Amino acid sequence: MKYSNIDLSVGAFVLLGIAAIVWFAIRAGAGVLMGGSTYEVNARFTNITGLKAGSQVFIAGVPVGSVDKIDLDSHYAAVVRLHVKQEVHLPSDTIASIKTSGLIGDKFIALAPGADSQNLPPGGTITDTESAMDLESIISRFAFGNVSSSSSPAPQPSAPK
């Protein structure tokens, strides 16, 4: 059986495409798609419900990093290790918040840089954080009437004079 040049070209193109897909998958799995080098920063939260390793980190809607690892510290707080792009310098008074994309979308971390002149060092910890809002518990409070109300009685209309 004799192969033509077109058959060999198509075969080489397909092999090259498969190699590119494998390379891309390996880079994506390692979290290297951010481009350039990164440094580690930790953030301590009281509740991270729904946040996963691999979630994105944003500043003003621009992706600047990813969640690398989530651990529990000795005080039962969640410590989230972030990989942030090397060229992004975070002030030491940066605030980290867990947000949701859409109503029931994926969780991500939004960073709000402060105005401090000192930057967080690599391996530093963001302590000013806003934990994840648990939509399920809020809905159940409304559904089952456990929403706290004011303890004072409703004002009574005054009698006409």
N, C-alpha and C. Protein backbone atom coordinates (compact mmCIF):
# COMPACT_ATOMS: atom_id res chain seq x y z
N MET A 1 0.83 -1.17 0.00
CA MET A 1 0.00 0.00 0.00
C MET A 1 0.88 1.24 0.00
N LYS A 2 0.58 2.13 -0.90
CA LYS A 2 1.39 3.33 -1.07
C LYS A 2 0.65 4.55 -0.50
N TYR A 3 1.35 5.35 0.33
CA TYR A 3 0.75 6.54 0.92
C TYR A 3 1.15 7.77 0.10
N SER A 4 0.22 8.66 -0.05
CA SER A 4 0.52 9.90 -0.78
C SER A 4 1.04 10.94 0.20
N ASN A 5 1.56 12.01 -0.33
CA ASN A 5 2.07 13.10 0.51
C ASN A 5 0.96 13.72 1.35
N ILE A 6 -0.25 13.76 0.83
CA ILE A 6 -1.37 14.33 1.57
C ILE A 6 -1.68 13.48 2.80
N ASP A 7 -1.67 12.16 2.64
CA ASP A 7 -1.92 11.27 3.78
C ASP A 7 -0.87 11.46 4.87
N LEU A 8 0.38 11.57 4.49
CA LEU A 8 1.45 11.77 5.47
C LEU A 8 1.32 13.13 6.15
N SER A 9 0.94 14.16 5.40
CA SER A 9 0.78 15.51 5.97
C SER A 9 -0.37 15.53 6.98
N VAL A 10 -1.49 14.91 6.63
CA VAL A 10 -2.62 14.87 7.54
C VAL A 10 -2.25 14.10 8.81
N GLY A 11 -1.57 13.00 8.68
CA GLY A 11 -1.14 12.21 9.84
C GLY A 11 -0.22 13.01 10.75
N ALA A 12 0.74 13.72 10.16
CA ALA A 12 1.66 14.54 10.95
C ALA A 12 0.89 15.67 11.65
N PHE A 13 -0.06 16.26 10.95
CA PHE A 13 -0.86 17.34 11.53
C PHE A 13 -1.68 16.84 12.72
N VAL A 14 -2.28 15.66 12.58
CA VAL A 14 -3.07 15.07 13.67
C VAL A 14 -2.17 14.77 14.86
N LEU A 15 -1.01 14.20 14.65
CA LEU A 15 -0.08 13.90 15.75
C LEU A 15 0.38 15.18 16.44
N LEU A 16 0.63 16.22 15.66
CA LEU A 16 1.03 17.50 16.23
C LEU A 16 -0.11 18.09 17.08
N GLY A 17 -1.34 17.95 16.60
CA GLY A 17 -2.50 18.43 17.36
C GLY A 17 -2.67 17.68 18.66
N ILE A 18 -2.50 16.37 18.65
CA ILE A 18 -2.62 15.57 19.87
C ILE A 18 -1.52 15.95 20.86
N ALA A 19 -0.31 16.16 20.36
CA ALA A 19 0.80 16.57 21.23
C ALA A 19 0.51 17.93 21.86
N ALA A 20 -0.07 18.85 21.10
CA ALA A 20 -0.40 20.18 21.64
C ALA A 20 -1.48 20.08 22.72
N ILE A 21 -2.47 19.23 22.51
CA ILE A 21 -3.53 19.05 23.51
C ILE A 21 -2.97 18.46 24.79
N VAL A 22 -2.09 17.46 24.68
CA VAL A 22 -1.47 16.86 25.86
C VAL A 22 -0.64 17.89 26.61
N TRP A 23 0.16 18.68 25.88
CA TRP A 23 0.98 19.72 26.50
C TRP A 23 0.09 20.73 27.23
N PHE A 24 -0.99 21.16 26.60
CA PHE A 24 -1.91 22.13 27.20
C PHE A 24 -2.56 21.55 28.46
N ALA A 25 -2.95 20.28 28.42
CA ALA A 25 -3.59 19.64 29.57
C ALA A 25 -2.63 19.55 30.75
N ILE A 26 -1.39 19.24 30.49
CA ILE A 26 -0.39 19.16 31.55
C ILE A 26 -0.15 20.53 32.16
N ARG A 27 -0.03 21.55 31.34
CA ARG A 27 0.18 22.91 31.84
C ARG A 27 -1.03 23.40 32.64
N ALA A 28 -2.23 23.09 32.17
CA ALA A 28 -3.44 23.52 32.88
C ALA A 28 -3.55 22.80 34.22
N GLY A 29 -3.22 21.53 34.26
CA GLY A 29 -3.28 20.77 35.51
C GLY A 29 -2.29 21.26 36.53
N ALA A 30 -1.17 21.78 36.07
CA ALA A 30 -0.16 22.29 36.99
C ALA A 30 -0.41 23.74 37.38
N GLY A 31 -1.42 24.36 36.78
CA GLY A 31 -1.74 25.75 37.10
C GLY A 31 -0.77 26.74 36.53
N VAL A 32 -0.09 26.39 35.45
CA VAL A 32 0.92 27.25 34.87
C VAL A 32 0.36 28.16 33.80
N LEU A 33 -0.93 28.07 33.51
CA LEU A 33 -1.51 28.88 32.44
C LEU A 33 -1.55 30.36 32.76
N MET A 34 -1.26 30.72 33.98
CA MET A 34 -1.31 32.12 34.36
C MET A 34 -0.26 32.93 33.60
N GLY A 35 0.77 32.32 33.15
CA GLY A 35 1.81 33.03 32.44
C GLY A 35 2.77 33.65 33.44
N GLY A 36 4.05 33.42 33.25
CA GLY A 36 5.03 33.98 34.17
C GLY A 36 5.04 33.26 35.50
N SER A 37 5.86 33.79 36.40
CA SER A 37 5.98 33.14 37.70
C SER A 37 4.99 33.73 38.69
N THR A 38 4.76 33.00 39.76
CA THR A 38 3.82 33.41 40.79
C THR A 38 4.49 33.35 42.15
N TYR A 39 3.85 33.95 43.13
CA TYR A 39 4.30 33.81 44.51
C TYR A 39 3.10 33.43 45.37
N GLU A 40 3.37 32.89 46.54
CA GLU A 40 2.31 32.39 47.42
C GLU A 40 1.91 33.43 48.45
N VAL A 41 0.61 33.52 48.70
CA VAL A 41 0.04 34.34 49.75
C VAL A 41 -1.05 33.51 50.40
N ASN A 42 -1.18 33.60 51.71
CA ASN A 42 -2.23 32.88 52.43
C ASN A 42 -3.34 33.83 52.82
N ALA A 43 -4.55 33.31 52.95
CA ALA A 43 -5.69 34.08 53.44
C ALA A 43 -6.43 33.21 54.43
N ARG A 44 -6.82 33.79 55.58
CA ARG A 44 -7.48 33.03 56.64
C ARG A 44 -8.96 33.42 56.68
N PHE A 45 -9.84 32.42 56.53
CA PHE A 45 -11.29 32.62 56.49
C PHE A 45 -11.96 31.80 57.59
N THR A 46 -13.13 32.24 58.04
CA THR A 46 -13.91 31.46 58.99
C THR A 46 -14.84 30.48 58.27
N ASN A 47 -15.17 30.77 57.00
CA ASN A 47 -16.07 29.89 56.24
C ASN A 47 -15.72 30.00 54.76
N ILE A 48 -15.43 28.88 54.12
CA ILE A 48 -15.09 28.89 52.69
C ILE A 48 -16.02 27.99 51.89
N THR A 49 -17.22 27.79 52.35
CA THR A 49 -18.16 26.88 51.72
C THR A 49 -18.18 27.04 50.21
N GLY A 50 -17.88 25.96 49.48
CA GLY A 50 -17.94 25.95 48.03
C GLY A 50 -16.65 26.33 47.33
N LEU A 51 -15.67 26.88 48.03
CA LEU A 51 -14.40 27.24 47.40
C LEU A 51 -13.56 25.98 47.23
N LYS A 52 -12.89 25.85 46.08
CA LYS A 52 -12.09 24.66 45.80
C LYS A 52 -10.70 25.06 45.33
N ALA A 53 -9.77 24.14 45.48
CA ALA A 53 -8.45 24.35 44.89
C ALA A 53 -8.62 24.47 43.38
N GLY A 54 -7.95 25.43 42.78
CA GLY A 54 -8.09 25.68 41.36
C GLY A 54 -9.01 26.84 41.05
N SER A 55 -9.77 27.32 42.06
CA SER A 55 -10.63 28.48 41.86
C SER A 55 -9.77 29.70 41.52
N GLN A 56 -10.35 30.65 40.82
CA GLN A 56 -9.58 31.81 40.39
C GLN A 56 -9.55 32.91 41.43
N VAL A 57 -8.55 33.77 41.31
CA VAL A 57 -8.38 34.95 42.16
C VAL A 57 -8.43 36.16 41.24
N PHE A 58 -9.25 37.16 41.60
CA PHE A 58 -9.45 38.34 40.77
C PHE A 58 -9.14 39.61 41.55
N ILE A 59 -8.68 40.62 40.82
CA ILE A 59 -8.63 41.99 41.32
C ILE A 59 -9.35 42.83 40.28
N ALA A 60 -10.40 43.50 40.68
CA ALA A 60 -11.21 44.35 39.78
C ALA A 60 -11.68 43.57 38.55
N GLY A 61 -11.99 42.28 38.74
CA GLY A 61 -12.49 41.46 37.64
C GLY A 61 -11.43 40.89 36.74
N VAL A 62 -10.17 41.19 37.01
CA VAL A 62 -9.06 40.70 36.19
C VAL A 62 -8.42 39.50 36.90
N PRO A 63 -8.28 38.36 36.21
CA PRO A 63 -7.66 37.20 36.86
C PRO A 63 -6.18 37.45 37.15
N VAL A 64 -5.79 37.25 38.42
CA VAL A 64 -4.41 37.49 38.82
C VAL A 64 -3.79 36.29 39.53
N GLY A 65 -4.55 35.20 39.66
CA GLY A 65 -4.00 34.04 40.34
C GLY A 65 -5.02 32.94 40.49
N SER A 66 -4.66 31.98 41.35
CA SER A 66 -5.55 30.84 41.58
C SER A 66 -5.36 30.32 43.00
N VAL A 67 -6.37 29.57 43.45
CA VAL A 67 -6.30 28.92 44.77
C VAL A 67 -5.50 27.64 44.60
N ASP A 68 -4.46 27.49 45.40
CA ASP A 68 -3.59 26.32 45.29
C ASP A 68 -4.00 25.22 46.27
N LYS A 69 -4.24 25.59 47.52
CA LYS A 69 -4.47 24.58 48.54
C LYS A 69 -5.33 25.17 49.65
N ILE A 70 -6.14 24.32 50.29
CA ILE A 70 -6.98 24.75 51.40
C ILE A 70 -6.71 23.82 52.58
N ASP A 71 -6.38 24.41 53.73
CA ASP A 71 -6.10 23.65 54.94
C ASP A 71 -6.88 24.21 56.12
N LEU A 72 -6.91 23.47 57.20
CA LEU A 72 -7.53 23.88 58.45
C LEU A 72 -6.41 24.13 59.46
N ASP A 73 -6.40 25.32 60.09
CA ASP A 73 -5.35 25.59 61.06
C ASP A 73 -5.75 25.12 62.46
N SER A 74 -4.89 25.37 63.44
CA SER A 74 -5.14 24.87 64.80
C SER A 74 -6.30 25.57 65.50
N HIS A 75 -6.73 26.74 64.98
CA HIS A 75 -7.87 27.46 65.56
C HIS A 75 -9.14 27.22 64.76
N TYR A 76 -9.15 26.18 63.96
CA TYR A 76 -10.31 25.78 63.14
C TYR A 76 -10.73 26.85 62.14
N ALA A 77 -9.77 27.55 61.61
CA ALA A 77 -10.02 28.50 60.52
C ALA A 77 -9.46 27.91 59.24
N ALA A 78 -10.08 28.25 58.13
CA ALA A 78 -9.62 27.76 56.83
C ALA A 78 -8.49 28.66 56.33
N VAL A 79 -7.36 28.06 56.02
CA VAL A 79 -6.24 28.80 55.46
C VAL A 79 -6.14 28.43 53.99
N VAL A 80 -6.29 29.44 53.14
CA VAL A 80 -6.30 29.24 51.70
C VAL A 80 -4.98 29.76 51.15
N ARG A 81 -4.25 28.88 50.45
CA ARG A 81 -2.99 29.29 49.83
C ARG A 81 -3.27 29.72 48.39
N LEU A 82 -2.88 30.95 48.07
CA LEU A 82 -3.10 31.52 46.75
C LEU A 82 -1.79 31.64 46.00
N HIS A 83 -1.85 31.42 44.70
CA HIS A 83 -0.73 31.73 43.82
C HIS A 83 -1.12 33.00 43.07
N VAL A 84 -0.33 34.05 43.24
CA VAL A 84 -0.60 35.35 42.63
C VAL A 84 0.53 35.67 41.66
N LYS A 85 0.18 36.28 40.52
CA LYS A 85 1.19 36.66 39.53
C LYS A 85 2.27 37.53 40.17
N GLN A 86 3.51 37.27 39.77
CA GLN A 86 4.67 37.95 40.35
C GLN A 86 4.59 39.47 40.18
N GLU A 87 4.03 39.93 39.08
CA GLU A 87 4.00 41.38 38.83
C GLU A 87 2.90 42.09 39.61
N VAL A 88 2.04 41.36 40.32
CA VAL A 88 0.98 41.96 41.14
C VAL A 88 1.50 42.09 42.56
N HIS A 89 1.63 43.33 43.02
CA HIS A 89 2.13 43.60 44.37
C HIS A 89 0.95 43.97 45.26
N LEU A 90 0.68 43.13 46.24
CA LEU A 90 -0.46 43.33 47.13
C LEU A 90 -0.05 44.11 48.38
N PRO A 91 -0.72 45.25 48.65
CA PRO A 91 -0.44 45.96 49.90
C PRO A 91 -0.80 45.09 51.11
N SER A 92 -0.18 45.36 52.24
CA SER A 92 -0.39 44.52 53.42
C SER A 92 -1.80 44.63 53.98
N ASP A 93 -2.56 45.66 53.59
CA ASP A 93 -3.94 45.79 54.08
C ASP A 93 -4.97 45.35 53.03
N THR A 94 -4.58 44.41 52.17
CA THR A 94 -5.48 43.87 51.16
C THR A 94 -6.60 43.08 51.82
N ILE A 95 -7.80 43.17 51.26
CA ILE A 95 -8.96 42.42 51.76
C ILE A 95 -9.27 41.31 50.76
N ALA A 96 -9.47 40.09 51.26
CA ALA A 96 -9.83 38.94 50.42
C ALA A 96 -11.27 38.55 50.74
N SER A 97 -12.10 38.43 49.68
CA SER A 97 -13.50 38.07 49.84
C SER A 97 -13.82 36.87 48.98
N ILE A 98 -14.67 35.99 49.48
CA ILE A 98 -15.14 34.87 48.67
C ILE A 98 -16.45 35.29 48.03
N LYS A 99 -16.49 35.25 46.72
CA LYS A 99 -17.67 35.68 45.95
C LYS A 99 -18.16 34.52 45.11
N THR A 100 -19.37 34.69 44.56
CA THR A 100 -19.97 33.69 43.69
C THR A 100 -20.25 34.31 42.34
N SER A 101 -19.89 33.62 41.27
CA SER A 101 -20.22 34.12 39.94
C SER A 101 -21.65 33.69 39.63
N GLY A 102 -22.54 34.66 39.58
CA GLY A 102 -23.95 34.36 39.35
C GLY A 102 -24.62 33.93 40.64
N LEU A 103 -25.86 33.47 40.52
CA LEU A 103 -26.63 33.10 41.71
C LEU A 103 -26.14 31.79 42.32
N ILE A 104 -25.87 30.79 41.50
CA ILE A 104 -25.40 29.50 42.02
C ILE A 104 -24.13 29.05 41.31
N GLY A 105 -23.33 30.01 40.87
CA GLY A 105 -22.11 29.70 40.12
C GLY A 105 -20.96 29.29 41.01
N ASP A 106 -19.79 29.19 40.39
CA ASP A 106 -18.57 28.80 41.11
C ASP A 106 -18.11 29.92 42.04
N LYS A 107 -17.42 29.53 43.08
CA LYS A 107 -16.85 30.48 44.03
C LYS A 107 -15.48 30.93 43.52
N PHE A 108 -15.12 32.16 43.85
CA PHE A 108 -13.80 32.67 43.53
C PHE A 108 -13.40 33.65 44.62
N ILE A 109 -12.14 34.06 44.62
CA ILE A 109 -11.66 35.03 45.60
C ILE A 109 -11.44 36.36 44.90
N ALA A 110 -12.03 37.40 45.48
CA ALA A 110 -11.84 38.75 44.99
C ALA A 110 -10.93 39.48 45.97
N LEU A 111 -9.86 40.04 45.46
CA LEU A 111 -8.93 40.80 46.29
C LEU A 111 -9.19 42.28 46.10
N ALA A 112 -9.22 43.01 47.19
CA ALA A 112 -9.36 44.47 47.15
C ALA A 112 -8.10 45.06 47.79
N PRO A 113 -7.14 45.49 46.97
CA PRO A 113 -5.90 46.03 47.52
C PRO A 113 -6.16 47.30 48.33
N GLY A 114 -5.45 47.43 49.42
CA GLY A 114 -5.58 48.60 50.28
C GLY A 114 -4.65 49.71 49.82
N ALA A 115 -4.33 50.60 50.73
CA ALA A 115 -3.50 51.76 50.40
C ALA A 115 -2.18 51.78 51.17
N ASP A 116 -1.86 50.71 51.85
CA ASP A 116 -0.64 50.65 52.64
C ASP A 116 0.58 50.71 51.73
N SER A 117 1.63 51.36 52.21
CA SER A 117 2.84 51.47 51.39
C SER A 117 3.67 50.19 51.44
N GLN A 118 3.46 49.36 52.46
CA GLN A 118 4.17 48.08 52.55
C GLN A 118 3.39 47.00 51.83
N ASN A 119 4.10 46.15 51.09
CA ASN A 119 3.46 45.04 50.38
C ASN A 119 3.54 43.76 51.21
N LEU A 120 2.61 42.85 50.94
CA LEU A 120 2.65 41.53 51.56
C LEU A 120 3.87 40.78 51.04
N PRO A 121 4.66 40.21 51.91
CA PRO A 121 5.80 39.42 51.42
C PRO A 121 5.32 38.07 50.90
N PRO A 122 6.09 37.42 50.03
CA PRO A 122 5.72 36.06 49.62
C PRO A 122 5.58 35.17 50.86
N GLY A 123 4.48 34.43 50.93
CA GLY A 123 4.19 33.60 52.08
C GLY A 123 3.45 34.34 53.18
N GLY A 124 3.18 35.64 52.98
CA GLY A 124 2.45 36.44 53.96
C GLY A 124 0.99 36.01 54.04
N THR A 125 0.29 36.53 55.04
CA THR A 125 -1.10 36.14 55.27
C THR A 125 -2.02 37.35 55.25
N ILE A 126 -3.09 37.23 54.49
CA ILE A 126 -4.15 38.23 54.48
C ILE A 126 -5.10 37.86 55.62
N THR A 127 -5.23 38.75 56.59
CA THR A 127 -6.09 38.45 57.74
C THR A 127 -7.43 39.16 57.65
N ASP A 128 -7.52 40.20 56.84
CA ASP A 128 -8.79 40.92 56.68
C ASP A 128 -9.55 40.24 55.55
N THR A 129 -10.49 39.38 55.92
CA THR A 129 -11.21 38.57 54.92
C THR A 129 -12.71 38.64 55.14
N GLU A 130 -13.45 38.35 54.07
CA GLU A 130 -14.90 38.23 54.13
C GLU A 130 -15.24 36.82 53.68
N SER A 131 -15.85 36.05 54.55
CA SER A 131 -16.14 34.65 54.27
C SER A 131 -17.27 34.49 53.27
N ALA A 132 -17.45 33.25 52.83
CA ALA A 132 -18.49 32.93 51.87
C ALA A 132 -19.86 33.10 52.51
N MET A 133 -20.79 33.61 51.72
CA MET A 133 -22.17 33.73 52.19
C MET A 133 -22.87 32.41 51.89
N ASP A 134 -23.49 31.85 52.91
CA ASP A 134 -24.16 30.56 52.76
C ASP A 134 -25.62 30.82 52.38
N LEU A 135 -25.89 30.78 51.08
CA LEU A 135 -27.23 31.08 50.56
C LEU A 135 -28.27 30.11 51.10
N GLU A 136 -27.90 28.86 51.27
CA GLU A 136 -28.83 27.85 51.77
C GLU A 136 -29.35 28.16 53.16
N SER A 137 -28.46 28.60 54.05
CA SER A 137 -28.90 28.91 55.41
C SER A 137 -29.74 30.18 55.45
N ILE A 138 -29.44 31.13 54.59
CA ILE A 138 -30.25 32.36 54.54
C ILE A 138 -31.66 32.04 54.07
N ILE A 139 -31.79 31.21 53.05
CA ILE A 139 -33.11 30.84 52.54
C ILE A 139 -33.88 30.05 53.59
N SER A 140 -33.21 29.15 54.30
CA SER A 140 -33.92 28.36 55.32
C SER A 140 -34.38 29.24 56.47
N ARG A 141 -33.64 30.28 56.79
CA ARG A 141 -34.09 31.20 57.85
C ARG A 141 -35.39 31.88 57.44
N PHE A 142 -35.46 32.32 56.20
CA PHE A 142 -36.69 32.95 55.73
C PHE A 142 -37.83 31.94 55.64
N ALA A 143 -37.54 30.74 55.15
CA ALA A 143 -38.58 29.74 54.95
C ALA A 143 -39.17 29.26 56.27
N PHE A 144 -38.34 29.13 57.30
CA PHE A 144 -38.82 28.58 58.56
C PHE A 144 -39.02 29.63 59.63
N GLY A 145 -38.94 30.90 59.27
CA GLY A 145 -39.26 31.98 60.19
C GLY A 145 -38.24 32.22 61.28
N ASN A 146 -36.99 31.89 61.06
CA ASN A 146 -35.97 32.10 62.07
C ASN A 146 -35.20 33.39 61.87
N VAL A 147 -35.76 34.30 61.09
CA VAL A 147 -35.10 35.57 60.87
C VAL A 147 -35.33 36.42 62.11
N SER A 148 -34.25 36.98 62.64
CA SER A 148 -34.41 37.77 63.86
C SER A 148 -35.11 39.07 63.53
N SER A 149 -36.09 39.41 64.35
CA SER A 149 -36.82 40.65 64.17
C SER A 149 -36.58 41.52 65.38
N SER A 150 -36.98 42.77 65.28
CA SER A 150 -36.77 43.67 66.41
C SER A 150 -37.69 43.25 67.56
N SER A 151 -37.22 43.49 68.77
CA SER A 151 -37.97 43.04 69.93
C SER A 151 -39.05 44.03 70.35
N SER A 152 -39.00 45.24 69.79
CA SER A 152 -40.02 46.22 70.19
C SER A 152 -41.29 45.99 69.38
N PRO A 153 -42.45 46.20 70.00
CA PRO A 153 -43.71 45.99 69.30
C PRO A 153 -43.91 47.03 68.21
N ALA A 154 -44.74 46.69 67.24
CA ALA A 154 -45.01 47.61 66.15
C ALA A 154 -45.75 48.82 66.69
N PRO A 155 -45.46 50.02 66.15
CA PRO A 155 -46.13 51.22 66.66
C PRO A 155 -47.62 51.18 66.38
N GLN A 156 -48.41 51.63 67.34
CA GLN A 156 -49.87 51.67 67.21
C GLN A 156 -50.29 53.02 66.67
N PRO A 157 -51.26 53.03 65.76
CA PRO A 157 -51.72 54.34 65.27
C PRO A 157 -52.40 55.12 66.38
N SER A 158 -52.18 56.41 66.39
CA SER A 158 -52.77 57.24 67.44
C SER A 158 -54.22 57.57 67.09
N ALA A 159 -55.02 57.75 68.13
CA ALA A 159 -56.44 58.05 67.95
C ALA A 159 -56.59 59.49 67.48
N PRO A 160 -57.54 59.75 66.59
CA PRO A 160 -57.75 61.15 66.13
C PRO A 160 -58.24 62.02 67.26
N LYS A 161 -57.81 63.25 67.27
CA LYS A 161 -58.19 64.19 68.33
C LYS A 161 -59.32 65.07 67.93
